[in-house]
Amino acid sequence: MSQSYFQVIAHYFPKPEEVQNVLELLGQLAIESRKEEANMSYGFFRGAEDPAHIVILERYRDAAGFAAHREYEHFQRIGLGQIIPKLSDRRIESYEGSTDA
């Protein structure tokens, strides 16, 4: 039986002096985000060619689950309050998928 999901791919570009801080904060955010009911997975990766390019792969049961993620206290505090101000740029992509695709 197939299962649909909502895939988010975020590209974060920290200010040069903030790369390590952003990685540490993402570690904290990942721990909390993985506890969310609608979260299926949350991982982040540092670019091999560009270490200042961080890619975050998040998977939720549906778009509503991702919307709920953005309202959680940990996202407000860590994501919006601490990580976003340390970025020079960011790009968020979202996709709908299915486990049988």
Protein backbone atom coordinates (compact mmCIF):
# COMPACT_ATOMS: atom_id res chain seq x y z
CA MET A 1 0.00 0.00 0.00
CA SER A 2 1.40 3.37 -0.97
CA GLN A 3 1.69 6.27 1.43
CA SER A 4 1.70 9.89 0.33
CA TYR A 5 3.94 12.46 1.98
CA PHE A 6 5.02 16.09 1.79
CA GLN A 7 8.74 16.60 1.07
CA VAL A 8 10.50 19.84 1.94
CA ILE A 9 13.98 20.71 0.70
CA ALA A 10 15.48 23.81 2.29
CA HIS A 11 18.70 25.42 1.12
CA TYR A 12 20.35 27.53 3.81
CA PHE A 13 23.30 29.83 3.17
CA PRO A 14 24.68 31.03 6.52
CA LYS A 15 26.78 34.14 6.82
CA PRO A 16 30.44 32.97 6.68
CA GLU A 17 31.06 33.48 10.39
CA GLU A 18 27.82 31.68 11.33
CA VAL A 19 28.16 28.31 9.54
CA GLN A 20 29.17 26.32 12.64
CA ASN A 21 26.53 28.02 14.80
CA VAL A 22 23.81 27.23 12.26
CA LEU A 23 24.89 23.58 12.09
CA GLU A 24 24.74 23.28 15.89
CA LEU A 25 21.32 24.94 16.03
CA LEU A 26 20.05 22.67 13.24
CA GLY A 27 21.12 19.70 15.34
CA GLN A 28 18.91 20.96 18.18
CA LEU A 29 16.04 21.72 15.80
CA ALA A 30 16.28 18.29 14.19
CA ILE A 31 15.99 16.50 17.54
CA GLU A 32 12.80 18.38 18.40
CA SER A 33 11.32 18.23 14.89
CA ARG A 34 11.67 14.44 14.73
CA LYS A 35 9.34 14.23 17.75
CA GLU A 36 6.47 15.93 15.89
CA GLU A 37 3.51 13.67 15.16
CA ALA A 38 3.45 14.43 11.41
CA ASN A 39 7.23 14.29 10.92
CA MET A 40 8.49 11.26 9.02
CA SER A 41 12.15 12.33 8.78
CA TYR A 42 14.42 15.33 9.26
CA GLY A 43 18.04 15.48 8.18
CA PHE A 44 20.53 18.13 7.15
CA PHE A 45 23.73 18.04 5.14
CA ARG A 46 26.66 20.36 4.55
CA GLY A 47 27.75 20.82 0.94
CA ALA A 48 30.85 18.88 -0.08
CA GLU A 49 31.80 21.50 -2.68
CA ASP A 50 30.42 24.49 -0.78
CA PRO A 51 30.55 23.97 3.00
CA ALA A 52 28.49 27.15 3.49
CA HIS A 53 25.54 25.55 1.66
CA ILE A 54 23.36 23.49 3.98
CA VAL A 55 20.54 21.34 2.64
CA ILE A 56 17.72 20.26 4.94
CA LEU A 57 15.50 17.33 3.93
CA GLU A 58 12.22 17.18 5.84
CA ARG A 59 9.36 14.76 5.25
CA TYR A 60 5.86 15.12 6.72
CA ARG A 61 2.68 13.11 6.38
CA ASP A 62 1.06 16.03 4.53
CA ALA A 63 1.26 19.78 3.93
CA ALA A 64 -0.74 20.39 7.11
CA GLY A 65 1.98 18.57 9.07
CA PHE A 66 4.60 20.94 7.67
CA ALA A 67 2.40 23.94 8.44
CA ALA A 68 2.05 22.67 12.02
CA HIS A 69 5.85 22.26 12.23
CA ARG A 70 6.26 25.97 11.56
CA GLU A 71 4.01 26.77 14.53
CA TYR A 72 5.77 24.62 17.13
CA GLU A 73 7.62 26.46 19.89
CA HIS A 74 10.96 24.85 19.00
CA PHE A 75 10.72 26.04 15.39
CA GLN A 76 9.70 29.55 16.44
CA ARG A 77 12.50 29.76 19.00
CA ILE A 78 15.35 27.96 17.20
CA GLY A 79 14.43 28.21 13.52
CA LEU A 80 12.96 31.68 13.24
CA GLY A 81 14.54 33.23 16.31
CA GLN A 82 18.11 31.95 16.05
CA ILE A 83 18.88 30.32 12.69
CA ILE A 84 17.16 32.61 10.16
CA PRO A 85 18.96 35.78 11.41
CA LYS A 86 22.31 33.98 10.82
CA LEU A 87 21.57 33.34 7.12
CA SER A 88 22.53 35.46 4.14
CA ASP A 89 20.00 33.60 1.97
CA ARG A 90 17.61 30.66 1.99
CA ARG A 91 15.36 28.84 -0.46
CA ILE A 92 12.54 26.45 0.39
CA GLU A 93 11.10 23.89 -2.05
CA SER A 94 8.19 21.54 -1.42
CA TYR A 95 6.93 18.46 -3.24
CA GLU A 96 4.21 15.89 -2.89
CA GLY A 97 5.36 12.29 -3.13
CA SER A 98 4.30 8.71 -2.69
CA THR A 99 6.19 5.73 -1.30
CA ASP A 100 5.39 3.69 -4.41
CA ALA A 101 6.75 6.32 -6.82
